[in-house]
Every structure is written in structure tokens, then in C-alpha cells.
Amino acid sequence: MIIKVENIEKLTLFAKAMGHPTRMDILDFLLKQENCYFGDIHDVFPNAKATISQHLKELKKVGLIQGEIEGPKVKYCIDKENWELARLLFGEFFSKNANKICCD
């Protein structure tokens, strides 16, 4: 099965955004919460606020998370629709049979 070009592009964006250990940790943390504020995330991770903010920006840019301003705070959560899309695209890609690859 060949994956559509637009899906490959989306999969690549998801993979790039997830390609940093701190971003993976942030996603794992958010998956265990209904939602949380920036301060909660910063309290869990020992990085500078600017670093955490940049990681959240990258995850939000590709749609894996949502950020909503509530007064002086920003609340973050997993974007369920895009999370499901990423899960399906990665599953489709990794479901290919590696035994058919020509290199031994």
C-alpha cells in the first residue's frame, strides 16, 4: 500500500516535531492530563521557560497539541483529532512488511 503524498508530508511534520526527547516527554505528560497550564509543565521539566515554550510552539505548530489563552495563563492539551491522525499514519507506515525489503 502506498501512502498518499499529503499524508507522507503530514507524517514527516509529526515525526520532526516528535524528534526531540523533551517534546516526547511533554507529549507523554499531556497524555496523562486532561489539560494543564504552562506553569504546570514548567514545574515538571527542568528546562528554562523559553526552552519549554519553544518545544510547545513546535508541537502546537504541527497540531499535536492545542494551546488556549485563559487570562494571563495558557492551557495546553493534546489535539485529539490530530493525535488520532498521527497514530493512524504512523501505524500505516510501520505496518509495512520489512521482510519484503531487498537488503539482507
PDB file of N, CA and C in Angstrom:
ATOM      1  N   MET A   1       0.840  -1.175   0.000  1.00  0.00           N
ATOM      2  CA  MET A   1       0.000   0.000   0.000  1.00  0.00           C
ATOM      3  C   MET A   1       0.891   1.247   0.000  1.00  0.00           C
ATOM      4  N   ILE A   2       0.598   2.184  -0.869  1.00  0.00           N
ATOM      5  CA  ILE A   2       1.363   3.424  -0.962  1.00  0.00           C
ATOM      6  C   ILE A   2       0.614   4.513  -0.204  1.00  0.00           C
ATOM      7  N   ILE A   3       1.345   5.230   0.644  1.00  0.00           N
ATOM      8  CA  ILE A   3       0.753   6.318   1.417  1.00  0.00           C
ATOM      9  C   ILE A   3       0.677   7.556   0.529  1.00  0.00           C
ATOM     10  N   LYS A   4      -0.444   8.266   0.571  1.00  0.00           N
ATOM     11  CA  LYS A   4      -0.631   9.477  -0.227  1.00  0.00           C
ATOM     12  C   LYS A   4       0.416  10.525   0.133  1.00  0.00           C
ATOM     13  N   VAL A   5       0.790  11.338  -0.853  1.00  0.00           N
ATOM     14  CA  VAL A   5       1.822  12.358  -0.671  1.00  0.00           C
ATOM     15  C   VAL A   5       1.478  13.296   0.482  1.00  0.00           C
ATOM     16  N   GLU A   6       0.237  13.756   0.549  1.00  0.00           N
ATOM     17  CA  GLU A   6      -0.128  14.696   1.617  1.00  0.00           C
ATOM     18  C   GLU A   6      -0.022  14.039   2.990  1.00  0.00           C
ATOM     19  N   ASN A   7      -0.282  12.735   3.053  1.00  0.00           N
ATOM     20  CA  ASN A   7      -0.143  12.025   4.320  1.00  0.00           C
ATOM     21  C   ASN A   7       1.323  11.832   4.687  1.00  0.00           C
ATOM     22  N   ILE A   8       2.172  11.604   3.691  1.00  0.00           N
ATOM     23  CA  ILE A   8       3.611  11.486   3.952  1.00  0.00           C
ATOM     24  C   ILE A   8       4.146  12.815   4.478  1.00  0.00           C
ATOM     25  N   GLU A   9       3.695  13.915   3.887  1.00  0.00           N
ATOM     26  CA  GLU A   9       4.136  15.232   4.344  1.00  0.00           C
ATOM     27  C   GLU A   9       3.701  15.478   5.782  1.00  0.00           C
ATOM     28  N   LYS A  10       2.467  15.127   6.104  1.00  0.00           N
ATOM     29  CA  LYS A  10       1.957  15.307   7.468  1.00  0.00           C
ATOM     30  C   LYS A  10       2.714  14.402   8.440  1.00  0.00           C
ATOM     31  N   LEU A  11       2.942  13.163   8.046  1.00  0.00           N
ATOM     32  CA  LEU A  11       3.686  12.215   8.871  1.00  0.00           C
ATOM     33  C   LEU A  11       5.098  12.742   9.150  1.00  0.00           C
ATOM     34  N   THR A  12       5.723  13.318   8.136  1.00  0.00           N
ATOM     35  CA  THR A  12       7.065  13.880   8.290  1.00  0.00           C
ATOM     36  C   THR A  12       7.062  15.036   9.282  1.00  0.00           C
ATOM     37  N   LEU A  13       6.049  15.890   9.215  1.00  0.00           N
ATOM     38  CA  LEU A  13       5.950  17.007  10.161  1.00  0.00           C
ATOM     39  C   LEU A  13       5.755  16.504  11.587  1.00  0.00           C
ATOM     40  N   PHE A  14       4.890  15.502  11.753  1.00  0.00           N
ATOM     41  CA  PHE A  14       4.688  14.912  13.081  1.00  0.00           C
ATOM     42  C   PHE A  14       6.003  14.335  13.604  1.00  0.00           C
ATOM     43  N   ALA A  15       6.693  13.573  12.753  1.00  0.00           N
ATOM     44  CA  ALA A  15       7.941  12.924  13.169  1.00  0.00           C
ATOM     45  C   ALA A  15       8.999  13.959  13.553  1.00  0.00           C
ATOM     46  N   LYS A  16       9.091  15.022  12.773  1.00  0.00           N
ATOM     47  CA  LYS A  16      10.072  16.067  13.079  1.00  0.00           C
ATOM     48  C   LYS A  16       9.757  16.720  14.422  1.00  0.00           C
ATOM     49  N   ALA A  17       8.495  17.034  14.652  1.00  0.00           N
ATOM     50  CA  ALA A  17       8.098  17.662  15.916  1.00  0.00           C
ATOM     51  C   ALA A  17       8.340  16.729  17.098  1.00  0.00           C
ATOM     52  N   MET A  18       8.196  15.444  16.877  1.00  0.00           N
ATOM     53  CA  MET A  18       8.375  14.465  17.950  1.00  0.00           C
ATOM     54  C   MET A  18       9.834  14.024  18.077  1.00  0.00           C
ATOM     55  N   GLY A  19      10.712  14.586  17.261  1.00  0.00           N
ATOM     56  CA  GLY A  19      12.090  14.150  17.193  1.00  0.00           C
ATOM     57  C   GLY A  19      13.010  14.686  18.275  1.00  0.00           C
ATOM     58  N   HIS A  20      12.470  15.208  19.344  1.00  0.00           N
ATOM     59  CA  HIS A  20      13.293  15.689  20.453  1.00  0.00           C
ATOM     60  C   HIS A  20      12.802  15.024  21.736  1.00  0.00           C
ATOM     61  N   PRO A  21      13.710  14.515  22.556  1.00  0.00           N
ATOM     62  CA  PRO A  21      13.287  13.808  23.778  1.00  0.00           C
ATOM     63  C   PRO A  21      12.400  14.635  24.703  1.00  0.00           C
ATOM     64  N   THR A  22      12.673  15.929  24.834  1.00  0.00           N
ATOM     65  CA  THR A  22      11.843  16.763  25.707  1.00  0.00           C
ATOM     66  C   THR A  22      10.430  16.882  25.157  1.00  0.00           C
ATOM     67  N   ARG A  23      10.294  16.982  23.850  1.00  0.00           N
ATOM     68  CA  ARG A  23       8.949  17.062  23.257  1.00  0.00           C
ATOM     69  C   ARG A  23       8.185  15.767  23.479  1.00  0.00           C
ATOM     70  N   MET A  24       8.886  14.651  23.378  1.00  0.00           N
ATOM     71  CA  MET A  24       8.237  13.361  23.650  1.00  0.00           C
ATOM     72  C   MET A  24       7.802  13.288  25.111  1.00  0.00           C
ATOM     73  N   ASP A  25       8.641  13.789  26.011  1.00  0.00           N
ATOM     74  CA  ASP A  25       8.281  13.817  27.430  1.00  0.00           C
ATOM     75  C   ASP A  25       7.073  14.719  27.669  1.00  0.00           C
ATOM     76  N   ILE A  26       7.035  15.864  27.006  1.00  0.00           N
ATOM     77  CA  ILE A  26       5.894  16.780  27.144  1.00  0.00           C
ATOM     78  C   ILE A  26       4.622  16.110  26.638  1.00  0.00           C
ATOM     79  N   LEU A  27       4.690  15.460  25.486  1.00  0.00           N
ATOM     80  CA  LEU A  27       3.518  14.755  24.958  1.00  0.00           C
ATOM     81  C   LEU A  27       3.060  13.667  25.922  1.00  0.00           C
ATOM     82  N   ASP A  28       4.002  12.905  26.450  1.00  0.00           N
ATOM     83  CA  ASP A  28       3.667  11.848  27.402  1.00  0.00           C
ATOM     84  C   ASP A  28       2.994  12.436  28.643  1.00  0.00           C
ATOM     85  N   PHE A  29       3.507  13.551  29.125  1.00  0.00           N
ATOM     86  CA  PHE A  29       2.914  14.231  30.279  1.00  0.00           C
ATOM     87  C   PHE A  29       1.494  14.698  29.969  1.00  0.00           C
ATOM     88  N   LEU A  30       1.308  15.339  28.807  1.00  0.00           N
ATOM     89  CA  LEU A  30      -0.018  15.845  28.442  1.00  0.00           C
ATOM     90  C   LEU A  30      -1.023  14.718  28.208  1.00  0.00           C
ATOM     91  N   LEU A  31      -0.551  13.572  27.739  1.00  0.00           N
ATOM     92  CA  LEU A  31      -1.455  12.435  27.530  1.00  0.00           C
ATOM     93  C   LEU A  31      -2.045  11.924  28.841  1.00  0.00           C
ATOM     94  N   LYS A  32      -1.374  12.211  29.935  1.00  0.00           N
ATOM     95  CA  LYS A  32      -1.840  11.753  31.250  1.00  0.00           C
ATOM     96  C   LYS A  32      -2.718  12.788  31.945  1.00  0.00           C
ATOM     97  N   GLN A  33      -2.904  13.950  31.309  1.00  0.00           N
ATOM     98  CA  GLN A  33      -3.690  15.048  31.879  1.00  0.00           C
ATOM     99  C   GLN A  33      -4.889  15.327  30.976  1.00  0.00           C
ATOM    100  N   GLU A  34      -5.911  15.890  31.547  1.00  0.00           N
ATOM    101  CA  GLU A  34      -7.000  16.382  30.693  1.00  0.00           C
ATOM    102  C   GLU A  34      -6.544  17.671  30.020  1.00  0.00           C
ATOM    103  N   ASN A  35      -5.892  18.502  30.786  1.00  0.00           N
ATOM    104  CA  ASN A  35      -5.251  19.722  30.298  1.00  0.00           C
ATOM    105  C   ASN A  35      -4.356  20.242  31.414  1.00  0.00           C
ATOM    106  N   CYS A  36      -3.453  21.128  31.081  1.00  0.00           N
ATOM    107  CA  CYS A  36      -2.637  21.741  32.126  1.00  0.00           C
ATOM    108  C   CYS A  36      -2.081  23.065  31.626  1.00  0.00           C
ATOM    109  N   TYR A  37      -1.643  23.854  32.567  1.00  0.00           N
ATOM    110  CA  TYR A  37      -1.129  25.178  32.260  1.00  0.00           C
ATOM    111  C   TYR A  37       0.385  25.143  32.066  1.00  0.00           C
ATOM    112  N   PHE A  38       0.879  26.166  31.394  1.00  0.00           N
ATOM    113  CA  PHE A  38       2.311  26.259  31.127  1.00  0.00           C
ATOM    114  C   PHE A  38       3.126  26.086  32.405  1.00  0.00           C
ATOM    115  N   GLY A  39       2.702  26.733  33.475  1.00  0.00           N
ATOM    116  CA  GLY A  39       3.427  26.640  34.746  1.00  0.00           C
ATOM    117  C   GLY A  39       3.525  25.214  35.256  1.00  0.00           C
ATOM    118  N   ASP A  40       2.464  24.430  35.059  1.00  0.00           N
ATOM    119  CA  ASP A  40       2.483  23.017  35.469  1.00  0.00           C
ATOM    120  C   ASP A  40       3.534  22.245  34.682  1.00  0.00           C
ATOM    121  N   ILE A  41       3.591  22.514  33.385  1.00  0.00           N
ATOM    122  CA  ILE A  41       4.562  21.835  32.524  1.00  0.00           C
ATOM    123  C   ILE A  41       5.976  22.250  32.921  1.00  0.00           C
ATOM    124  N   HIS A  42       6.163  23.548  33.132  1.00  0.00           N
ATOM    125  CA  HIS A  42       7.490  24.046  33.511  1.00  0.00           C
ATOM    126  C   HIS A  42       7.939  23.469  34.846  1.00  0.00           C
ATOM    127  N   ASP A  43       7.018  23.263  35.774  1.00  0.00           N
ATOM    128  CA  ASP A  43       7.370  22.695  37.081  1.00  0.00           C
ATOM    129  C   ASP A  43       7.886  21.262  36.965  1.00  0.00           C
ATOM    130  N   VAL A  44       7.415  20.533  35.969  1.00  0.00           N
ATOM    131  CA  VAL A  44       7.785  19.128  35.800  1.00  0.00           C
ATOM    132  C   VAL A  44       9.135  18.977  35.094  1.00  0.00           C
ATOM    133  N   PHE A  45       9.437  19.872  34.184  1.00  0.00           N
ATOM    134  CA  PHE A  45      10.648  19.753  33.374  1.00  0.00           C
ATOM    135  C   PHE A  45      11.682  20.792  33.804  1.00  0.00           C
ATOM    136  N   PRO A  46      12.945  20.386  33.925  1.00  0.00           N
ATOM    137  CA  PRO A  46      13.986  21.271  34.459  1.00  0.00           C
ATOM    138  C   PRO A  46      14.569  22.258  33.442  1.00  0.00           C
ATOM    139  N   ASN A  47      13.876  22.497  32.366  1.00  0.00           N
ATOM    140  CA  ASN A  47      14.378  23.401  31.330  1.00  0.00           C
ATOM    141  C   ASN A  47      13.957  24.836  31.619  1.00  0.00           C
ATOM    142  N   ALA A  48      14.629  25.780  30.966  1.00  0.00           N
ATOM    143  CA  ALA A  48      14.259  27.190  31.065  1.00  0.00           C
ATOM    144  C   ALA A  48      12.871  27.396  30.455  1.00  0.00           C
ATOM    145  N   LYS A  49      12.173  28.418  30.929  1.00  0.00           N
ATOM    146  CA  LYS A  49      10.827  28.702  30.406  1.00  0.00           C
ATOM    147  C   LYS A  49      10.843  28.904  28.897  1.00  0.00           C
ATOM    148  N   ALA A  50      11.856  29.604  28.396  1.00  0.00           N
ATOM    149  CA  ALA A  50      11.937  29.852  26.950  1.00  0.00           C
ATOM    150  C   ALA A  50      12.100  28.546  26.177  1.00  0.00           C
ATOM    151  N   THR A  51      12.835  27.604  26.738  1.00  0.00           N
ATOM    152  CA  THR A  51      13.042  26.311  26.079  1.00  0.00           C
ATOM    153  C   THR A  51      11.743  25.521  26.034  1.00  0.00           C
ATOM    154  N   ILE A  52      11.045  25.459  27.161  1.00  0.00           N
ATOM    155  CA  ILE A  52       9.753  24.758  27.209  1.00  0.00           C
ATOM    156  C   ILE A  52       8.779  25.417  26.245  1.00  0.00           C
ATOM    157  N   SER A  53       8.765  26.734  26.238  1.00  0.00           N
ATOM    158  CA  SER A  53       7.874  27.477  25.349  1.00  0.00           C
ATOM    159  C   SER A  53       8.149  27.145  23.884  1.00  0.00           C
ATOM    160  N   GLN A  54       9.419  27.033  23.511  1.00  0.00           N
ATOM    161  CA  GLN A  54       9.781  26.699  22.132  1.00  0.00           C
ATOM    162  C   GLN A  54       9.325  25.285  21.778  1.00  0.00           C
ATOM    163  N   HIS A  55       9.491  24.342  22.695  1.00  0.00           N
ATOM    164  CA  HIS A  55       9.042  22.972  22.446  1.00  0.00           C
ATOM    165  C   HIS A  55       7.519  22.927  22.275  1.00  0.00           C
ATOM    166  N   LEU A  56       6.801  23.644  23.115  1.00  0.00           N
ATOM    167  CA  LEU A  56       5.339  23.693  22.997  1.00  0.00           C
ATOM    168  C   LEU A  56       4.929  24.327  21.670  1.00  0.00           C
ATOM    169  N   LYS A  57       5.645  25.357  21.261  1.00  0.00           N
ATOM    170  CA  LYS A  57       5.359  26.025  19.984  1.00  0.00           C
ATOM    171  C   LYS A  57       5.494  25.049  18.819  1.00  0.00           C
ATOM    172  N   GLU A  58       6.553  24.235  18.822  1.00  0.00           N
ATOM    173  CA  GLU A  58       6.767  23.263  17.741  1.00  0.00           C
ATOM    174  C   GLU A  58       5.667  22.200  17.722  1.00  0.00           C
ATOM    175  N   LEU A  59       5.262  21.729  18.874  1.00  0.00           N
ATOM    176  CA  LEU A  59       4.196  20.724  18.943  1.00  0.00           C
ATOM    177  C   LEU A  59       2.853  21.312  18.514  1.00  0.00           C
ATOM    178  N   LYS A  60       2.635  22.559  18.887  1.00  0.00           N
ATOM    179  CA  LYS A  60       1.388  23.236  18.514  1.00  0.00           C
ATOM    180  C   LYS A  60       1.355  23.530  17.012  1.00  0.00           C
ATOM    181  N   LYS A  61       2.503  23.893  16.451  1.00  0.00           N
ATOM    182  CA  LYS A  61       2.590  24.242  15.026  1.00  0.00           C
ATOM    183  C   LYS A  61       2.131  23.089  14.135  1.00  0.00           C
ATOM    184  N   VAL A  62       2.456  21.858  14.511  1.00  0.00           N
ATOM    185  CA  VAL A  62       2.050  20.704  13.698  1.00  0.00           C
ATOM    186  C   VAL A  62       0.694  20.151  14.128  1.00  0.00           C
ATOM    187  N   GLY A  63       0.109  20.733  15.175  1.00  0.00           N
ATOM    188  CA  GLY A  63      -1.238  20.348  15.571  1.00  0.00           C
ATOM    189  C   GLY A  63      -1.335  19.196  16.551  1.00  0.00           C
ATOM    190  N   LEU A  64      -0.212  18.752  17.120  1.00  0.00           N
ATOM    191  CA  LEU A  64      -0.293  17.654  18.087  1.00  0.00           C
ATOM    192  C   LEU A  64      -0.876  18.114  19.417  1.00  0.00           C
ATOM    193  N   ILE A  65      -0.715  19.403  19.727  1.00  0.00           N
ATOM    194  CA  ILE A  65      -1.303  19.950  20.947  1.00  0.00           C
ATOM    195  C   ILE A  65      -2.065  21.226  20.614  1.00  0.00           C
ATOM    196  N   GLN A  66      -2.906  21.629  21.551  1.00  0.00           N
ATOM    197  CA  GLN A  66      -3.628  22.893  21.457  1.00  0.00           C
ATOM    198  C   GLN A  66      -3.209  23.757  22.636  1.00  0.00           C
ATOM    199  N   GLY A  67      -3.178  25.050  22.421  1.00  0.00           N
ATOM    200  CA  GLY A  67      -2.913  25.993  23.493  1.00  0.00           C
ATOM    201  C   GLY A  67      -4.010  27.036  23.505  1.00  0.00           C
ATOM    202  N   GLU A  68      -4.590  27.251  24.669  1.00  0.00           N
ATOM    203  CA  GLU A  68      -5.708  28.191  24.793  1.00  0.00           C
ATOM    204  C   GLU A  68      -5.378  29.212  25.873  1.00  0.00           C
ATOM    205  N   ILE A  69      -5.478  30.484  25.530  1.00  0.00           N
ATOM    206  CA  ILE A  69      -5.189  31.544  26.495  1.00  0.00           C
ATOM    207  C   ILE A  69      -6.376  31.702  27.429  1.00  0.00           C
ATOM    208  N   GLU A  70      -6.092  31.656  28.724  1.00  0.00           N
ATOM    209  CA  GLU A  70      -7.102  31.886  29.760  1.00  0.00           C
ATOM    210  C   GLU A  70      -6.557  32.954  30.695  1.00  0.00           C
ATOM    211  N   GLY A  71      -6.925  34.196  30.422  1.00  0.00           N
ATOM    212  CA  GLY A  71      -6.388  35.297  31.216  1.00  0.00           C
ATOM    213  C   GLY A  71      -4.890  35.394  31.005  1.00  0.00           C
ATOM    214  N   PRO A  72      -4.126  35.426  32.101  1.00  0.00           N
ATOM    215  CA  PRO A  72      -2.669  35.518  31.952  1.00  0.00           C
ATOM    216  C   PRO A  72      -1.986  34.164  31.725  1.00  0.00           C
ATOM    217  N   LYS A  73      -2.761  33.090  31.685  1.00  0.00           N
ATOM    218  CA  LYS A  73      -2.192  31.747  31.566  1.00  0.00           C
ATOM    219  C   LYS A  73      -2.520  31.121  30.213  1.00  0.00           C
ATOM    220  N   VAL A  74      -1.724  30.129  29.831  1.00  0.00           N
ATOM    221  CA  VAL A  74      -2.007  29.346  28.627  1.00  0.00           C
ATOM    222  C   VAL A  74      -2.210  27.900  29.059  1.00  0.00           C
ATOM    223  N   LYS A  75      -3.343  27.348  28.637  1.00  0.00           N
ATOM    224  CA  LYS A  75      -3.694  25.964  28.962  1.00  0.00           C
ATOM    225  C   LYS A  75      -3.412  25.098  27.741  1.00  0.00           C
ATOM    226  N   TYR A  76      -2.739  23.967  27.953  1.00  0.00           N
ATOM    227  CA  TYR A  76      -2.372  23.060  26.864  1.00  0.00           C
ATOM    228  C   TYR A  76      -3.043  21.710  27.031  1.00  0.00           C
ATOM    229  N   CYS A  77      -3.326  21.084  25.887  1.00  0.00           N
ATOM    230  CA  CYS A  77      -3.863  19.723  25.878  1.00  0.00           C
ATOM    231  C   CYS A  77      -3.522  19.077  24.534  1.00  0.00           C
ATOM    232  N   ILE A  78      -3.667  17.767  24.478  1.00  0.00           N
ATOM    233  CA  ILE A  78      -3.472  17.029  23.232  1.00  0.00           C
ATOM    234  C   ILE A  78      -4.608  17.374  22.277  1.00  0.00           C
ATOM    235  N   ASP A  79      -4.293  17.624  21.016  1.00  0.00           N
ATOM    236  CA  ASP A  79      -5.322  17.802  19.988  1.00  0.00           C
ATOM    237  C   ASP A  79      -5.762  16.406  19.560  1.00  0.00           C
ATOM    238  N   LYS A  80      -6.928  15.995  20.022  1.00  0.00           N
ATOM    239  CA  LYS A  80      -7.377  14.610  19.830  1.00  0.00           C
ATOM    240  C   LYS A  80      -7.489  14.213  18.362  1.00  0.00           C
ATOM    241  N   GLU A  81      -7.958  15.109  17.530  1.00  0.00           N
ATOM    242  CA  GLU A  81      -8.131  14.796  16.105  1.00  0.00           C
ATOM    243  C   GLU A  81      -6.780  14.549  15.424  1.00  0.00           C
ATOM    244  N   ASN A  82      -5.834  15.458  15.643  1.00  0.00           N
ATOM    245  CA  ASN A  82      -4.516  15.290  15.027  1.00  0.00           C
ATOM    246  C   ASN A  82      -3.720  14.160  15.674  1.00  0.00           C
ATOM    247  N   TRP A  83      -3.949  13.919  16.964  1.00  0.00           N
ATOM    248  CA  TRP A  83      -3.279  12.796  17.625  1.00  0.00           C
ATOM    249  C   TRP A  83      -3.724  11.483  16.979  1.00  0.00           C
ATOM    250  N   GLU A  84      -5.009  11.370  16.725  1.00  0.00           N
ATOM    251  CA  GLU A  84      -5.536  10.161  16.085  1.00  0.00           C
ATOM    252  C   GLU A  84      -4.991  10.026  14.665  1.00  0.00           C
ATOM    253  N   LEU A  85      -4.903  11.142  13.942  1.00  0.00           N
ATOM    254  CA  LEU A  85      -4.335  11.113  12.596  1.00  0.00           C
ATOM    255  C   LEU A  85      -2.880  10.640  12.643  1.00  0.00           C
ATOM    256  N   ALA A  86      -2.095  11.184  13.571  1.00  0.00           N
ATOM    257  CA  ALA A  86      -0.693  10.769  13.704  1.00  0.00           C
ATOM    258  C   ALA A  86      -0.607   9.284  14.029  1.00  0.00           C
ATOM    259  N   ARG A  87      -1.454   8.822  14.930  1.00  0.00           N
ATOM    260  CA  ARG A  87      -1.461   7.407  15.313  1.00  0.00           C
ATOM    261  C   ARG A  87      -1.756   6.527  14.106  1.00  0.00           C
ATOM    262  N   LEU A  88      -2.726   6.922  13.311  1.00  0.00           N
ATOM    263  CA  LEU A  88      -3.088   6.152  12.121  1.00  0.00           C
ATOM    264  C   LEU A  88      -1.982   6.180  11.064  1.00  0.00           C
ATOM    265  N   LEU A  89      -1.401   7.354  10.823  1.00  0.00           N
ATOM    266  CA  LEU A  89      -0.348   7.468   9.811  1.00  0.00           C
ATOM    267  C   LEU A  89       0.904   6.686  10.202  1.00  0.00           C
ATOM    268  N   PHE A  90       1.323   6.799  11.460  1.00  0.00           N
ATOM    269  CA  PHE A  90       2.482   6.025  11.908  1.00  0.00           C
ATOM    270  C   PHE A  90       2.176   4.536  11.855  1.00  0.00           C
ATOM    271  N   GLY A  91       0.966   4.160  12.254  1.00  0.00           N
ATOM    272  CA  GLY A  91       0.573   2.749  12.202  1.00  0.00           C
ATOM    273  C   GLY A  91       0.583   2.213  10.784  1.00  0.00           C
ATOM    274  N   GLU A  92       0.048   3.000   9.854  1.00  0.00           N
ATOM    275  CA  GLU A  92       0.022   2.591   8.445  1.00  0.00           C
ATOM    276  C   GLU A  92       1.447   2.440   7.905  1.00  0.00           C
ATOM    277  N   PHE A  93       2.306   3.383   8.245  1.00  0.00           N
ATOM    278  CA  PHE A  93       3.679   3.342   7.761  1.00  0.00           C
ATOM    279  C   PHE A  93       4.430   2.138   8.327  1.00  0.00           C
ATOM    280  N   PHE A  94       4.310   1.913   9.637  1.00  0.00           N
ATOM    281  CA  PHE A  94       5.057   0.828  10.278  1.00  0.00           C
ATOM    282  C   PHE A  94       4.405  -0.538  10.115  1.00  0.00           C
ATOM    283  N   SER A  95       3.227  -0.588   9.517  1.00  0.00           N
ATOM    284  CA  SER A  95       2.585  -1.886   9.295  1.00  0.00           C
ATOM    285  C   SER A  95       3.122  -2.579   8.046  1.00  0.00           C
ATOM    286  N   LYS A  96       3.948  -1.872   7.295  1.00  0.00           N
ATOM    287  CA  LYS A  96       4.530  -2.475   6.090  1.00  0.00           C
ATOM    288  C   LYS A  96       5.455  -3.618   6.493  1.00  0.00           C
ATOM    289  N   ASN A  97       5.482  -4.644   5.690  1.00  0.00           N
ATOM    290  CA  ASN A  97       6.250  -5.845   5.978  1.00  0.00           C
ATOM    291  C   ASN A  97       7.720  -5.643   5.610  1.00  0.00           C
ATOM    292  N   ALA A  98       8.584  -5.595   6.605  1.00  0.00           N
ATOM    293  CA  ALA A  98      10.015  -5.386   6.373  1.00  0.00           C
ATOM    294  C   ALA A  98      10.678  -6.586   5.711  1.00  0.00           C
ATOM    295  N   ASN A  99      10.036  -7.738   5.713  1.00  0.00           N
ATOM    296  CA  ASN A  99      10.612  -8.930   5.082  1.00  0.00           C
ATOM    297  C   ASN A  99      10.693  -8.797   3.567  1.00  0.00           C
ATOM    298  N   LYS A 100       9.938  -7.872   3.005  1.00  0.00           N
ATOM    299  CA  LYS A 100       9.943  -7.682   1.555  1.00  0.00           C
ATOM    300  C   LYS A 100      11.028  -6.711   1.101  1.00  0.00           C
ATOM    301  N   ILE A 101      11.785  -6.176   2.040  1.00  0.00           N
ATOM    302  CA  ILE A 101      12.853  -5.242   1.699  1.00  0.00           C
ATOM    303  C   ILE A 101      13.984  -6.017   1.033  1.00  0.00           C
ATOM    304  N   CYS A 102      14.604  -5.426   0.018  1.00  0.00           N
ATOM    305  CA  CYS A 102      15.581  -6.154  -0.803  1.00  0.00           C
ATOM    306  C   CYS A 102      16.922  -6.393  -0.117  1.00  0.00           C
ATOM    307  N   CYS A 103      17.271  -5.633   0.888  1.00  0.00           N
ATOM    308  CA  CYS A 103      18.572  -5.815   1.549  1.00  0.00           C
ATOM    309  C   CYS A 103      18.483  -6.891   2.627  1.00  0.00           C
ATOM    310  N   ASP A 104      19.510  -7.708   2.718  1.00  0.00           N
ATOM    311  CA  ASP A 104      19.543  -8.753   3.744  1.00  0.00           C
ATOM    312  C   ASP A 104      20.544  -8.421   4.816  1.00  0.00           C
TER     313      ASP A 104
END
